[in-house]
Amino acid sequence: MFYPIGNTTIDSNKYREKFAKRYYLPFMKELIDLSGCSLKEAKELIDLVIHEEGIIVSQTSEEIQDTCLAELQDD
């Protein structure tokens, strides 16, 4: 499927593996560079695609992100 973001459209099939990593920062940067969108818009697109297409998030990515979030909340 195609999703509009910033000044372009993203083909979710082309980036499916990267969407499965959820908030993978190099991918988020790639989305920003391709579209001129903000970090928040990139995050929202990732959440939308994962939800609409039923993409299963990589367990390793999810664990790392949860750990980082917990550490940030402790500070």
N, C-alpha and C. Protein backbone atom coordinates (compact mmCIF):
# COMPACT_ATOMS: atom_id res chain seq x y z
N MET A 1 0.84 -1.19 0.00
CA MET A 1 0.00 0.00 0.00
C MET A 1 0.89 1.25 0.00
N PHE A 2 0.28 2.33 -0.44
CA PHE A 2 1.00 3.59 -0.48
C PHE A 2 0.44 4.54 0.57
N TYR A 3 1.35 5.24 1.27
CA TYR A 3 0.97 6.16 2.32
C TYR A 3 1.61 7.52 2.07
N PRO A 4 0.81 8.58 2.07
CA PRO A 4 1.38 9.91 1.89
C PRO A 4 2.07 10.37 3.18
N ILE A 5 3.22 11.01 3.01
CA ILE A 5 3.92 11.61 4.15
C ILE A 5 4.77 12.76 3.61
N GLY A 6 4.67 13.89 4.28
CA GLY A 6 5.41 15.06 3.83
C GLY A 6 5.10 15.36 2.37
N ASN A 7 6.14 15.48 1.56
CA ASN A 7 5.96 15.80 0.15
C ASN A 7 6.13 14.59 -0.78
N THR A 8 5.89 13.38 -0.24
CA THR A 8 6.06 12.16 -1.04
C THR A 8 5.06 11.10 -0.61
N THR A 9 5.16 9.94 -1.25
CA THR A 9 4.34 8.78 -0.90
C THR A 9 5.28 7.60 -0.68
N ILE A 10 5.02 6.83 0.37
CA ILE A 10 5.86 5.70 0.74
C ILE A 10 5.14 4.40 0.40
N ASP A 11 5.83 3.48 -0.26
CA ASP A 11 5.31 2.15 -0.55
C ASP A 11 5.68 1.24 0.63
N SER A 12 4.67 0.86 1.38
CA SER A 12 4.94 0.07 2.59
C SER A 12 5.57 -1.28 2.28
N ASN A 13 5.29 -1.84 1.11
CA ASN A 13 5.89 -3.14 0.75
C ASN A 13 7.40 -3.02 0.60
N LYS A 14 7.86 -1.89 0.08
CA LYS A 14 9.28 -1.68 -0.12
C LYS A 14 10.03 -1.62 1.22
N TYR A 15 9.36 -1.13 2.25
CA TYR A 15 10.00 -0.92 3.55
C TYR A 15 9.45 -1.84 4.65
N ARG A 16 8.76 -2.89 4.25
CA ARG A 16 8.08 -3.75 5.23
C ARG A 16 9.01 -4.24 6.34
N GLU A 17 10.19 -4.67 5.98
CA GLU A 17 11.15 -5.18 6.98
C GLU A 17 11.52 -4.08 7.98
N LYS A 18 11.65 -2.85 7.49
CA LYS A 18 12.00 -1.73 8.38
C LYS A 18 10.82 -1.34 9.26
N PHE A 19 9.59 -1.44 8.74
CA PHE A 19 8.42 -1.15 9.57
C PHE A 19 8.34 -2.14 10.73
N ALA A 20 8.77 -3.36 10.52
CA ALA A 20 8.73 -4.38 11.57
C ALA A 20 9.68 -4.06 12.72
N LYS A 21 10.60 -3.14 12.49
CA LYS A 21 11.53 -2.74 13.56
C LYS A 21 10.96 -1.57 14.38
N ARG A 22 9.77 -1.16 14.05
CA ARG A 22 9.02 -0.08 14.69
C ARG A 22 9.79 1.22 14.69
N TYR A 23 10.28 1.70 15.79
CA TYR A 23 10.89 3.04 15.85
C TYR A 23 12.40 2.98 15.62
N TYR A 24 12.81 2.27 14.59
CA TYR A 24 14.21 2.11 14.22
C TYR A 24 14.71 3.46 13.70
N LEU A 25 15.59 4.11 14.46
CA LEU A 25 15.99 5.48 14.16
C LEU A 25 16.58 5.69 12.76
N PRO A 26 17.43 4.80 12.24
CA PRO A 26 17.91 5.02 10.87
C PRO A 26 16.77 5.05 9.84
N PHE A 27 15.74 4.23 10.05
CA PHE A 27 14.59 4.25 9.15
C PHE A 27 13.79 5.54 9.31
N MET A 28 13.62 5.98 10.54
CA MET A 28 12.91 7.23 10.78
C MET A 28 13.65 8.39 10.11
N LYS A 29 14.96 8.38 10.19
CA LYS A 29 15.77 9.42 9.53
C LYS A 29 15.60 9.33 8.02
N GLU A 30 15.55 8.12 7.50
CA GLU A 30 15.36 7.93 6.07
C GLU A 30 14.00 8.51 5.62
N LEU A 31 12.95 8.26 6.42
CA LEU A 31 11.64 8.82 6.11
C LEU A 31 11.68 10.35 6.11
N ILE A 32 12.37 10.92 7.10
CA ILE A 32 12.50 12.37 7.20
C ILE A 32 13.23 12.92 5.98
N ASP A 33 14.33 12.28 5.61
CA ASP A 33 15.12 12.74 4.46
C ASP A 33 14.34 12.61 3.15
N LEU A 34 13.57 11.53 2.99
CA LEU A 34 12.80 11.32 1.77
C LEU A 34 11.63 12.28 1.61
N SER A 35 10.99 12.61 2.73
CA SER A 35 9.72 13.31 2.65
C SER A 35 9.72 14.73 3.20
N GLY A 36 10.73 15.06 4.00
CA GLY A 36 10.73 16.37 4.64
C GLY A 36 9.78 16.43 5.84
N CYS A 37 9.34 15.28 6.31
CA CYS A 37 8.42 15.24 7.45
C CYS A 37 9.18 15.44 8.76
N SER A 38 8.43 15.57 9.84
CA SER A 38 9.02 15.69 11.17
C SER A 38 9.20 14.30 11.78
N LEU A 39 9.93 14.23 12.87
CA LEU A 39 10.11 12.96 13.59
C LEU A 39 8.75 12.43 14.06
N LYS A 40 7.91 13.34 14.53
CA LYS A 40 6.57 12.94 15.00
C LYS A 40 5.76 12.35 13.85
N GLU A 41 5.82 12.97 12.67
CA GLU A 41 5.09 12.45 11.52
C GLU A 41 5.61 11.08 11.09
N ALA A 42 6.92 10.88 11.16
CA ALA A 42 7.51 9.58 10.83
C ALA A 42 7.01 8.51 11.80
N LYS A 43 6.99 8.84 13.09
CA LYS A 43 6.50 7.91 14.11
C LYS A 43 5.04 7.57 13.87
N GLU A 44 4.23 8.59 13.58
CA GLU A 44 2.81 8.37 13.33
C GLU A 44 2.58 7.49 12.10
N LEU A 45 3.37 7.69 11.06
CA LEU A 45 3.25 6.85 9.86
C LEU A 45 3.60 5.40 10.20
N ILE A 46 4.67 5.21 10.93
CA ILE A 46 5.08 3.85 11.31
C ILE A 46 3.97 3.17 12.10
N ASP A 47 3.40 3.87 13.08
CA ASP A 47 2.30 3.30 13.88
C ASP A 47 1.11 2.95 12.99
N LEU A 48 0.76 3.85 12.06
CA LEU A 48 -0.37 3.64 11.17
C LEU A 48 -0.16 2.41 10.28
N VAL A 49 1.00 2.31 9.66
CA VAL A 49 1.28 1.18 8.77
C VAL A 49 1.28 -0.14 9.54
N ILE A 50 1.91 -0.16 10.69
CA ILE A 50 1.94 -1.38 11.51
C ILE A 50 0.52 -1.80 11.85
N HIS A 51 -0.31 -0.84 12.25
CA HIS A 51 -1.69 -1.13 12.64
C HIS A 51 -2.53 -1.58 11.44
N GLU A 52 -2.52 -0.80 10.35
CA GLU A 52 -3.38 -1.09 9.20
C GLU A 52 -2.99 -2.37 8.47
N GLU A 53 -1.71 -2.69 8.46
CA GLU A 53 -1.26 -3.86 7.71
C GLU A 53 -0.97 -5.07 8.60
N GLY A 54 -1.18 -4.91 9.91
CA GLY A 54 -0.99 -6.02 10.82
C GLY A 54 0.44 -6.54 10.85
N ILE A 55 1.39 -5.62 10.71
CA ILE A 55 2.81 -6.01 10.73
C ILE A 55 3.20 -6.39 12.15
N ILE A 56 3.86 -7.52 12.27
CA ILE A 56 4.32 -7.98 13.58
C ILE A 56 5.67 -7.33 13.85
N VAL A 57 5.75 -6.62 14.98
CA VAL A 57 6.98 -5.92 15.35
C VAL A 57 8.00 -6.93 15.85
N SER A 58 9.23 -6.76 15.39
CA SER A 58 10.32 -7.62 15.81
C SER A 58 10.42 -7.64 17.33
N GLN A 59 10.47 -8.82 17.91
CA GLN A 59 10.54 -8.97 19.37
C GLN A 59 11.77 -8.27 19.94
N THR A 60 12.90 -8.40 19.27
CA THR A 60 14.14 -7.77 19.73
C THR A 60 14.00 -6.26 19.72
N SER A 61 13.45 -5.71 18.67
CA SER A 61 13.25 -4.26 18.59
C SER A 61 12.34 -3.78 19.70
N GLU A 62 11.27 -4.51 19.93
CA GLU A 62 10.31 -4.13 20.97
C GLU A 62 10.97 -4.15 22.35
N GLU A 63 11.77 -5.17 22.64
CA GLU A 63 12.44 -5.26 23.94
C GLU A 63 13.43 -4.12 24.14
N ILE A 64 14.21 -3.82 23.11
CA ILE A 64 15.19 -2.73 23.21
C ILE A 64 14.48 -1.40 23.42
N GLN A 65 13.43 -1.15 22.66
CA GLN A 65 12.70 0.11 22.78
C GLN A 65 12.04 0.23 24.14
N ASP A 66 11.46 -0.85 24.66
CA ASP A 66 10.84 -0.82 25.98
C ASP A 66 11.86 -0.55 27.07
N THR A 67 13.05 -1.16 26.95
CA THR A 67 14.12 -0.94 27.93
C THR A 67 14.58 0.51 27.90
N CYS A 68 14.79 1.06 26.72
CA CYS A 68 15.23 2.45 26.59
C CYS A 68 14.18 3.40 27.15
N LEU A 69 12.92 3.14 26.86
CA LEU A 69 11.85 3.98 27.36
C LEU A 69 11.78 3.95 28.88
N ALA A 70 11.93 2.75 29.47
CA ALA A 70 11.91 2.62 30.91
C ALA A 70 13.07 3.40 31.56
N GLU A 71 14.24 3.33 30.94
CA GLU A 71 15.40 4.05 31.46
C GLU A 71 15.19 5.56 31.37
N LEU A 72 14.59 6.02 30.30
CA LEU A 72 14.32 7.45 30.16
C LEU A 72 13.31 7.93 31.20
N GLN A 73 12.34 7.09 31.50
CA GLN A 73 11.32 7.45 32.48
C GLN A 73 11.89 7.47 33.91
N ASP A 74 12.91 6.66 34.16
CA ASP A 74 13.56 6.62 35.48
C ASP A 74 14.38 7.86 35.75
N ASP A 75 14.90 8.50 34.71
CA ASP A 75 15.76 9.67 34.87
C ASP A 75 15.01 10.90 35.29
